[in-house]
């Protein structure tokens, strides 16, 4: 009995697209969590470190913006343009 080899995987997205996706996803989750803590008084009293949460929120927002720019500048811009055209 010959064993069948697993099917080859064709990656749909390259490294640049994956980095862009995970940068957005991770920043979104952190910004959502810290934003909710800052916005909802019931969560703010549970954490009780408002200044720390506010600083984390602001620094993650800044890091997110810088990371996106770096990915666009240093990444595969041709693939990003192709993805943008496909989305449009």
C-alpha atoms as a PDB file:
ATOM      1  CA  UNK A   1       0.000   0.000   0.000  1.00  0.00           C
ATOM      2  CA  UNK A   2       1.526   3.284  -1.094  1.00  0.00           C
ATOM      3  CA  UNK A   3       1.066   6.121   1.337  1.00  0.00           C
ATOM      4  CA  UNK A   4      -0.351   9.275  -0.122  1.00  0.00           C
ATOM      5  CA  UNK A   5       1.597  12.447   0.380  1.00  0.00           C
ATOM      6  CA  UNK A   6      -0.301  15.379   1.849  1.00  0.00           C
ATOM      7  CA  UNK A   7      -1.472  17.961  -0.684  1.00  0.00           C
ATOM      8  CA  UNK A   8       0.866  20.870  -1.321  1.00  0.00           C
ATOM      9  CA  UNK A   9      -0.140  24.126   0.254  1.00  0.00           C
ATOM     10  CA  UNK A  10      -0.324  27.247  -1.866  1.00  0.00           C
ATOM     11  CA  UNK A  11       0.054  30.301   0.326  1.00  0.00           C
ATOM     12  CA  UNK A  12      -2.590  32.874  -0.566  1.00  0.00           C
ATOM     13  CA  UNK A  13      -0.847  35.699   1.242  1.00  0.00           C
ATOM     14  CA  UNK A  14       2.826  36.581   1.471  1.00  0.00           C
ATOM     15  CA  UNK A  15       4.809  37.750   4.469  1.00  0.00           C
ATOM     16  CA  UNK A  16       3.926  41.419   3.937  1.00  0.00           C
ATOM     17  CA  UNK A  17       0.191  40.740   3.883  1.00  0.00           C
ATOM     18  CA  UNK A  18       0.417  38.495   6.939  1.00  0.00           C
ATOM     19  CA  UNK A  19       2.406  41.094   8.884  1.00  0.00           C
ATOM     20  CA  UNK A  20      -0.088  43.773   7.921  1.00  0.00           C
ATOM     21  CA  UNK A  21      -2.993  41.570   8.987  1.00  0.00           C
ATOM     22  CA  UNK A  22      -1.529  40.558  12.355  1.00  0.00           C
ATOM     23  CA  UNK A  23      -0.382  44.110  13.093  1.00  0.00           C
ATOM     24  CA  UNK A  24      -3.942  45.324  12.569  1.00  0.00           C
ATOM     25  CA  UNK A  25      -5.486  42.438  14.496  1.00  0.00           C
ATOM     26  CA  UNK A  26      -3.239  42.640  17.552  1.00  0.00           C
ATOM     27  CA  UNK A  27      -3.387  46.436  17.756  1.00  0.00           C
ATOM     28  CA  UNK A  28      -7.166  46.366  17.342  1.00  0.00           C
ATOM     29  CA  UNK A  29      -7.606  43.933  20.230  1.00  0.00           C
ATOM     30  CA  UNK A  30      -5.325  45.877  22.581  1.00  0.00           C
ATOM     31  CA  UNK A  31      -6.895  49.209  21.618  1.00  0.00           C
ATOM     32  CA  UNK A  32     -10.376  47.745  22.041  1.00  0.00           C
ATOM     33  CA  UNK A  33      -9.586  46.368  25.500  1.00  0.00           C
ATOM     34  CA  UNK A  34      -7.878  49.518  26.758  1.00  0.00           C
ATOM     35  CA  UNK A  35     -10.511  51.749  25.158  1.00  0.00           C
ATOM     36  CA  UNK A  36     -13.305  49.850  26.889  1.00  0.00           C
ATOM     37  CA  UNK A  37     -11.505  50.119  30.205  1.00  0.00           C
ATOM     38  CA  UNK A  38     -11.145  53.869  29.731  1.00  0.00           C
ATOM     39  CA  UNK A  39     -14.735  54.322  28.543  1.00  0.00           C
ATOM     40  CA  UNK A  40     -16.730  52.106  30.902  1.00  0.00           C
ATOM     41  CA  UNK A  41     -16.684  53.125  34.571  1.00  0.00           C
ATOM     42  CA  UNK A  42     -17.373  49.569  35.753  1.00  0.00           C
ATOM     43  CA  UNK A  43     -14.240  48.277  34.008  1.00  0.00           C
ATOM     44  CA  UNK A  44     -12.214  51.279  35.115  1.00  0.00           C
ATOM     45  CA  UNK A  45     -12.930  50.515  38.768  1.00  0.00           C
ATOM     46  CA  UNK A  46     -11.893  46.884  38.271  1.00  0.00           C
ATOM     47  CA  UNK A  47      -8.529  47.861  36.824  1.00  0.00           C
ATOM     48  CA  UNK A  48      -8.052  51.024  38.929  1.00  0.00           C
ATOM     49  CA  UNK A  49      -4.875  52.005  37.057  1.00  0.00           C
ATOM     50  CA  UNK A  50      -6.352  54.506  34.640  1.00  0.00           C
ATOM     51  CA  UNK A  51      -3.112  56.353  33.875  1.00  0.00           C
ATOM     52  CA  UNK A  52      -1.313  53.114  33.013  1.00  0.00           C
ATOM     53  CA  UNK A  53      -4.167  51.955  30.770  1.00  0.00           C
ATOM     54  CA  UNK A  54      -4.269  55.365  29.084  1.00  0.00           C
ATOM     55  CA  UNK A  55      -0.517  55.240  28.432  1.00  0.00           C
ATOM     56  CA  UNK A  56      -0.745  51.708  27.019  1.00  0.00           C
ATOM     57  CA  UNK A  57      -3.604  52.825  24.763  1.00  0.00           C
ATOM     58  CA  UNK A  58      -1.660  55.812  23.421  1.00  0.00           C
ATOM     59  CA  UNK A  59       1.634  53.951  22.944  1.00  0.00           C
ATOM     60  CA  UNK A  60      -0.030  51.039  21.158  1.00  0.00           C
ATOM     61  CA  UNK A  61      -1.795  53.502  18.833  1.00  0.00           C
ATOM     62  CA  UNK A  62       1.539  55.156  18.035  1.00  0.00           C
ATOM     63  CA  UNK A  63       3.310  51.806  17.577  1.00  0.00           C
ATOM     64  CA  UNK A  64       0.471  50.613  15.316  1.00  0.00           C
ATOM     65  CA  UNK A  65       0.787  53.647  13.037  1.00  0.00           C
ATOM     66  CA  UNK A  66       4.581  53.336  12.827  1.00  0.00           C
ATOM     67  CA  UNK A  67       4.390  49.578  12.184  1.00  0.00           C
ATOM     68  CA  UNK A  68       1.906  50.075   9.339  1.00  0.00           C
ATOM     69  CA  UNK A  69       4.173  52.665   7.726  1.00  0.00           C
ATOM     70  CA  UNK A  70       7.214  50.398   8.089  1.00  0.00           C
ATOM     71  CA  UNK A  71       5.383  47.438   6.585  1.00  0.00           C
ATOM     72  CA  UNK A  72       4.272  49.544   3.621  1.00  0.00           C
ATOM     73  CA  UNK A  73       7.715  51.078   3.066  1.00  0.00           C
ATOM     74  CA  UNK A  74       9.809  47.938   3.634  1.00  0.00           C
ATOM     75  CA  UNK A  75       7.348  45.286   2.490  1.00  0.00           C
ATOM     76  CA  UNK A  76       6.291  43.975  -0.896  1.00  0.00           C
ATOM     77  CA  UNK A  77       4.486  47.030  -2.250  1.00  0.00           C
ATOM     78  CA  UNK A  78       3.660  45.307  -5.537  1.00  0.00           C
ATOM     79  CA  UNK A  79       1.609  42.672  -3.705  1.00  0.00           C
ATOM     80  CA  UNK A  80      -0.037  45.346  -1.575  1.00  0.00           C
ATOM     81  CA  UNK A  81      -1.020  47.270  -4.735  1.00  0.00           C
ATOM     82  CA  UNK A  82      -2.431  44.083  -6.258  1.00  0.00           C
ATOM     83  CA  UNK A  83      -4.434  43.419  -3.098  1.00  0.00           C
ATOM     84  CA  UNK A  84      -5.692  47.012  -3.094  1.00  0.00           C
ATOM     85  CA  UNK A  85      -6.851  46.696  -6.708  1.00  0.00           C
ATOM     86  CA  UNK A  86      -8.575  43.409  -5.892  1.00  0.00           C
ATOM     87  CA  UNK A  87     -10.383  45.016  -2.956  1.00  0.00           C
ATOM     88  CA  UNK A  88     -11.475  47.984  -5.043  1.00  0.00           C
END
